[in-house]
Amino acid sequence: MSLRISMSSGALFVAANLLLPEGLVRYFDMTKHEIKGEEIHFYFTVLNTVPQKNLKKPI
């Protein structure tokens, strides 16, 4: 038995943001997705933002 789900791109991105780890969503931008058979492939680019906890206060 195979399950075929049809979703709009916007709904798929929202669902992915709920399921993916927070660090992935925070520091990477999901640029596209591809549905291949029963698999969904997500593609990301790095946002190049420094985590706030790694910033040091000036002396």
PDB file of N, CA and C in Angstrom:
ATOM      1  N   MET A   1       0.847  -1.184   0.000  1.00  0.00           N
ATOM      2  CA  MET A   1       0.000   0.000   0.000  1.00  0.00           C
ATOM      3  C   MET A   1       0.887   1.240   0.000  1.00  0.00           C
ATOM      4  N   SER A   2       0.608   2.160  -0.889  1.00  0.00           N
ATOM      5  CA  SER A   2       1.376   3.405  -0.896  1.00  0.00           C
ATOM      6  C   SER A   2       0.442   4.558  -0.588  1.00  0.00           C
ATOM      7  N   LEU A   3       1.001   5.536   0.082  1.00  0.00           N
ATOM      8  CA  LEU A   3       0.242   6.712   0.486  1.00  0.00           C
ATOM      9  C   LEU A   3       0.702   7.884  -0.350  1.00  0.00           C
ATOM     10  N   ARG A   4      -0.197   8.534  -1.013  1.00  0.00           N
ATOM     11  CA  ARG A   4       0.143   9.682  -1.848  1.00  0.00           C
ATOM     12  C   ARG A   4      -0.471  10.913  -1.220  1.00  0.00           C
ATOM     13  N   ILE A   5       0.370  11.857  -0.814  1.00  0.00           N
ATOM     14  CA  ILE A   5      -0.104  13.087  -0.189  1.00  0.00           C
ATOM     15  C   ILE A   5       0.225  14.248  -1.110  1.00  0.00           C
ATOM     16  N   SER A   6      -0.751  15.081  -1.341  1.00  0.00           N
ATOM     17  CA  SER A   6      -0.538  16.259  -2.174  1.00  0.00           C
ATOM     18  C   SER A   6      -0.649  17.493  -1.282  1.00  0.00           C
ATOM     19  N   MET A   7       0.415  18.292  -1.260  1.00  0.00           N
ATOM     20  CA  MET A   7       0.433  19.510  -0.450  1.00  0.00           C
ATOM     21  C   MET A   7       0.964  20.657  -1.292  1.00  0.00           C
ATOM     22  N   SER A   8       0.523  21.850  -0.977  1.00  0.00           N
ATOM     23  CA  SER A   8       1.099  23.020  -1.630  1.00  0.00           C
ATOM     24  C   SER A   8       2.501  23.234  -1.063  1.00  0.00           C
ATOM     25  N   SER A   9       3.324  23.954  -1.782  1.00  0.00           N
ATOM     26  CA  SER A   9       4.687  24.217  -1.320  1.00  0.00           C
ATOM     27  C   SER A   9       4.691  24.930   0.025  1.00  0.00           C
ATOM     28  N   GLY A  10       3.811  25.893   0.190  1.00  0.00           N
ATOM     29  CA  GLY A  10       3.753  26.632   1.451  1.00  0.00           C
ATOM     30  C   GLY A  10       3.420  25.734   2.621  1.00  0.00           C
ATOM     31  N   ALA A  11       2.448  24.860   2.447  1.00  0.00           N
ATOM     32  CA  ALA A  11       2.060  23.943   3.521  1.00  0.00           C
ATOM     33  C   ALA A  11       3.186  22.961   3.830  1.00  0.00           C
ATOM     34  N   LEU A  12       3.905  22.534   2.795  1.00  0.00           N
ATOM     35  CA  LEU A  12       5.012  21.607   2.999  1.00  0.00           C
ATOM     36  C   LEU A  12       6.143  22.266   3.773  1.00  0.00           C
ATOM     37  N   PHE A  13       6.450  23.526   3.466  1.00  0.00           N
ATOM     38  CA  PHE A  13       7.486  24.250   4.203  1.00  0.00           C
ATOM     39  C   PHE A  13       7.081  24.459   5.659  1.00  0.00           C
ATOM     40  N   VAL A  14       5.827  24.759   5.916  1.00  0.00           N
ATOM     41  CA  VAL A  14       5.348  24.930   7.294  1.00  0.00           C
ATOM     42  C   VAL A  14       5.465  23.616   8.052  1.00  0.00           C
ATOM     43  N   ALA A  15       5.052  22.520   7.450  1.00  0.00           N
ATOM     44  CA  ALA A  15       5.147  21.209   8.098  1.00  0.00           C
ATOM     45  C   ALA A  15       6.599  20.843   8.370  1.00  0.00           C
ATOM     46  N   ALA A  16       7.481  21.128   7.428  1.00  0.00           N
ATOM     47  CA  ALA A  16       8.905  20.816   7.609  1.00  0.00           C
ATOM     48  C   ALA A  16       9.482  21.617   8.765  1.00  0.00           C
ATOM     49  N   ASN A  17       9.102  22.877   8.902  1.00  0.00           N
ATOM     50  CA  ASN A  17       9.614  23.706  10.001  1.00  0.00           C
ATOM     51  C   ASN A  17       9.158  23.176  11.358  1.00  0.00           C
ATOM     52  N   LEU A  18       8.012  22.533  11.402  1.00  0.00           N
ATOM     53  CA  LEU A  18       7.537  21.948  12.658  1.00  0.00           C
ATOM     54  C   LEU A  18       8.268  20.647  12.994  1.00  0.00           C
ATOM     55  N   LEU A  19       8.719  19.930  11.985  1.00  0.00           N
ATOM     56  CA  LEU A  19       9.328  18.617  12.183  1.00  0.00           C
ATOM     57  C   LEU A  19      10.851  18.645  12.295  1.00  0.00           C
ATOM     58  N   LEU A  20      11.483  19.627  11.681  1.00  0.00           N
ATOM     59  CA  LEU A  20      12.950  19.674  11.668  1.00  0.00           C
ATOM     60  C   LEU A  20      13.501  20.229  12.971  1.00  0.00           C
ATOM     61  N   PRO A  21      14.743  19.875  13.324  1.00  0.00           N
ATOM     62  CA  PRO A  21      15.362  20.408  14.538  1.00  0.00           C
ATOM     63  C   PRO A  21      15.457  21.937  14.488  1.00  0.00           C
ATOM     64  N   GLU A  22      15.334  22.563  15.653  1.00  0.00           N
ATOM     65  CA  GLU A  22      15.327  24.022  15.739  1.00  0.00           C
ATOM     66  C   GLU A  22      16.601  24.646  15.159  1.00  0.00           C
ATOM     67  N   GLY A  23      17.762  24.048  15.421  1.00  0.00           N
ATOM     68  CA  GLY A  23      19.019  24.586  14.905  1.00  0.00           C
ATOM     69  C   GLY A  23      19.062  24.613  13.394  1.00  0.00           C
ATOM     70  N   LEU A  24      18.476  23.627  12.763  1.00  0.00           N
ATOM     71  CA  LEU A  24      18.446  23.571  11.309  1.00  0.00           C
ATOM     72  C   LEU A  24      17.570  24.684  10.755  1.00  0.00           C
ATOM     73  N   VAL A  25      16.446  24.905  11.394  1.00  0.00           N
ATOM     74  CA  VAL A  25      15.516  25.948  10.947  1.00  0.00           C
ATOM     75  C   VAL A  25      16.090  27.339  11.216  1.00  0.00           C
ATOM     76  N   ARG A  26      16.823  27.491  12.322  1.00  0.00           N
ATOM     77  CA  ARG A  26      17.334  28.807  12.718  1.00  0.00           C
ATOM     78  C   ARG A  26      18.529  29.250  11.872  1.00  0.00           C
ATOM     79  N   TYR A  27      19.440  28.346  11.541  1.00  0.00           N
ATOM     80  CA  TYR A  27      20.697  28.728  10.892  1.00  0.00           C
ATOM     81  C   TYR A  27      20.775  28.371   9.408  1.00  0.00           C
ATOM     82  N   PHE A  28      19.722  27.767   8.873  1.00  0.00           N
ATOM     83  CA  PHE A  28      19.683  27.426   7.458  1.00  0.00           C
ATOM     84  C   PHE A  28      18.350  27.866   6.870  1.00  0.00           C
ATOM     85  N   ASP A  29      18.367  28.236   5.606  1.00  0.00           N
ATOM     86  CA  ASP A  29      17.151  28.632   4.904  1.00  0.00           C
ATOM     87  C   ASP A  29      16.761  27.506   3.948  1.00  0.00           C
ATOM     88  N   MET A  30      15.550  27.011   4.086  1.00  0.00           N
ATOM     89  CA  MET A  30      15.080  25.961   3.191  1.00  0.00           C
ATOM     90  C   MET A  30      14.764  26.606   1.840  1.00  0.00           C
ATOM     91  N   THR A  31      15.508  26.227   0.814  1.00  0.00           N
ATOM     92  CA  THR A  31      15.375  26.889  -0.482  1.00  0.00           C
ATOM     93  C   THR A  31      14.425  26.186  -1.432  1.00  0.00           C
ATOM     94  N   LYS A  32      14.336  24.848  -1.348  1.00  0.00           N
ATOM     95  CA  LYS A  32      13.410  24.130  -2.221  1.00  0.00           C
ATOM     96  C   LYS A  32      13.182  22.727  -1.691  1.00  0.00           C
ATOM     97  N   HIS A  33      12.252  22.060  -2.334  1.00  0.00           N
ATOM     98  CA  HIS A  33      11.984  20.664  -1.996  1.00  0.00           C
ATOM     99  C   HIS A  33      11.637  19.903  -3.273  1.00  0.00           C
ATOM    100  N   GLU A  34      11.847  18.615  -3.235  1.00  0.00           N
ATOM    101  CA  GLU A  34      11.477  17.744  -4.348  1.00  0.00           C
ATOM    102  C   GLU A  34      10.803  16.511  -3.778  1.00  0.00           C
ATOM    103  N   ILE A  35       9.726  16.089  -4.400  1.00  0.00           N
ATOM    104  CA  ILE A  35       9.051  14.864  -3.997  1.00  0.00           C
ATOM    105  C   ILE A  35       9.408  13.805  -5.029  1.00  0.00           C
ATOM    106  N   LYS A  36      10.063  12.748  -4.564  1.00  0.00           N
ATOM    107  CA  LYS A  36      10.487  11.651  -5.443  1.00  0.00           C
ATOM    108  C   LYS A  36       9.895  10.361  -4.898  1.00  0.00           C
ATOM    109  N   GLY A  37       8.821   9.908  -5.514  1.00  0.00           N
ATOM    110  CA  GLY A  37       8.167   8.696  -5.039  1.00  0.00           C
ATOM    111  C   GLY A  37       7.604   8.911  -3.649  1.00  0.00           C
ATOM    112  N   GLU A  38       8.096   8.144  -2.689  1.00  0.00           N
ATOM    113  CA  GLU A  38       7.630   8.249  -1.300  1.00  0.00           C
ATOM    114  C   GLU A  38       8.563   9.090  -0.438  1.00  0.00           C
ATOM    115  N   GLU A  39       9.522   9.768  -1.044  1.00  0.00           N
ATOM    116  CA  GLU A  39      10.496  10.566  -0.300  1.00  0.00           C
ATOM    117  C   GLU A  39      10.322  12.046  -0.607  1.00  0.00           C
ATOM    118  N   ILE A  40      10.619  12.867   0.384  1.00  0.00           N
ATOM    119  CA  ILE A  40      10.653  14.317   0.208  1.00  0.00           C
ATOM    120  C   ILE A  40      12.080  14.762   0.490  1.00  0.00           C
ATOM    121  N   HIS A  41      12.690  15.459  -0.457  1.00  0.00           N
ATOM    122  CA  HIS A  41      14.051  15.963  -0.301  1.00  0.00           C
ATOM    123  C   HIS A  41      13.990  17.467  -0.087  1.00  0.00           C
ATOM    124  N   PHE A  42      14.624  17.943   0.998  1.00  0.00           N
ATOM    125  CA  PHE A  42      14.685  19.368   1.286  1.00  0.00           C
ATOM    126  C   PHE A  42      16.096  19.862   1.014  1.00  0.00           C
ATOM    127  N   TYR A  43      16.209  21.075   0.497  1.00  0.00           N
ATOM    128  CA  TYR A  43      17.499  21.683   0.189  1.00  0.00           C
ATOM    129  C   TYR A  43      17.628  22.971   0.999  1.00  0.00           C
ATOM    130  N   PHE A  44      18.841  23.191   1.550  1.00  0.00           N
ATOM    131  CA  PHE A  44      19.076  24.308   2.452  1.00  0.00           C
ATOM    132  C   PHE A  44      20.290  25.122   2.021  1.00  0.00           C
ATOM    133  N   THR A  45      20.303  26.405   2.417  1.00  0.00           N
ATOM    134  CA  THR A  45      21.492  27.242   2.303  1.00  0.00           C
ATOM    135  C   THR A  45      21.791  27.796   3.685  1.00  0.00           C
ATOM    136  N   VAL A  46      23.070  28.038   3.950  1.00  0.00           N
ATOM    137  CA  VAL A  46      23.496  28.545   5.253  1.00  0.00           C
ATOM    138  C   VAL A  46      23.146  30.023   5.346  1.00  0.00           C
ATOM    139  N   LEU A  47      22.603  30.445   6.491  1.00  0.00           N
ATOM    140  CA  LEU A  47      22.244  31.846   6.688  1.00  0.00           C
ATOM    141  C   LEU A  47      23.427  32.710   7.115  1.00  0.00           C
ATOM    142  N   ASN A  48      24.522  32.099   7.575  1.00  0.00           N
ATOM    143  CA  ASN A  48      25.710  32.825   8.025  1.00  0.00           C
ATOM    144  C   ASN A  48      25.415  33.779   9.176  1.00  0.00           C
ATOM    145  N   THR A  49      24.639  33.330  10.126  1.00  0.00           N
ATOM    146  CA  THR A  49      24.387  34.130  11.322  1.00  0.00           C
ATOM    147  C   THR A  49      25.107  33.492  12.490  1.00  0.00           C
ATOM    148  N   VAL A  50      25.664  34.323  13.352  1.00  0.00           N
ATOM    149  CA  VAL A  50      26.383  33.836  14.520  1.00  0.00           C
ATOM    150  C   VAL A  50      25.391  33.670  15.661  1.00  0.00           C
ATOM    151  N   PRO A  51      25.379  32.507  16.314  1.00  0.00           N
ATOM    152  CA  PRO A  51      24.492  32.337  17.463  1.00  0.00           C
ATOM    153  C   PRO A  51      24.796  33.371  18.542  1.00  0.00           C
ATOM    154  N   GLN A  52      23.772  33.964  19.127  1.00  0.00           N
ATOM    155  CA  GLN A  52      23.945  35.003  20.141  1.00  0.00           C
ATOM    156  C   GLN A  52      24.752  34.529  21.340  1.00  0.00           C
ATOM    157  N   LYS A  53      24.627  33.259  21.710  1.00  0.00           N
ATOM    158  CA  LYS A  53      25.337  32.780  22.884  1.00  0.00           C
ATOM    159  C   LYS A  53      26.853  32.709  22.644  1.00  0.00           C
ATOM    160  N   ASN A  54      27.297  32.767  21.368  1.00  0.00           N
ATOM    161  CA  ASN A  54      28.714  32.721  21.058  1.00  0.00           C
ATOM    162  C   ASN A  54      29.341  34.104  20.958  1.00  0.00           C
ATOM    163  N   LEU A  55      28.524  35.140  21.027  1.00  0.00           N
ATOM    164  CA  LEU A  55      29.060  36.498  20.973  1.00  0.00           C
ATOM    165  C   LEU A  55      29.638  36.875  22.321  1.00  0.00           C
ATOM    166  N   LYS A  56      30.794  37.485  22.308  1.00  0.00           N
ATOM    167  CA  LYS A  56      31.433  37.926  23.558  1.00  0.00           C
ATOM    168  C   LYS A  56      31.229  39.410  23.720  1.00  0.00           C
ATOM    169  N   LYS A  57      31.085  39.830  24.971  1.00  0.00           N
ATOM    170  CA  LYS A  57      30.945  41.243  25.254  1.00  0.00           C
ATOM    171  C   LYS A  57      32.309  41.918  25.104  1.00  0.00           C
ATOM    172  N   PRO A  58      32.346  43.138  24.548  1.00  0.00           N
ATOM    173  CA  PRO A  58      33.625  43.841  24.428  1.00  0.00           C
ATOM    174  C   PRO A  58      34.192  44.180  25.800  1.00  0.00           C
ATOM    175  N   ILE A  59      35.485  44.180  25.883  1.00  0.00           N
ATOM    176  CA  ILE A  59      36.153  44.462  27.173  1.00  0.00           C
ATOM    177  C   ILE A  59      36.373  45.945  27.314  1.00  0.00           C
TER     178      ILE A  59
END
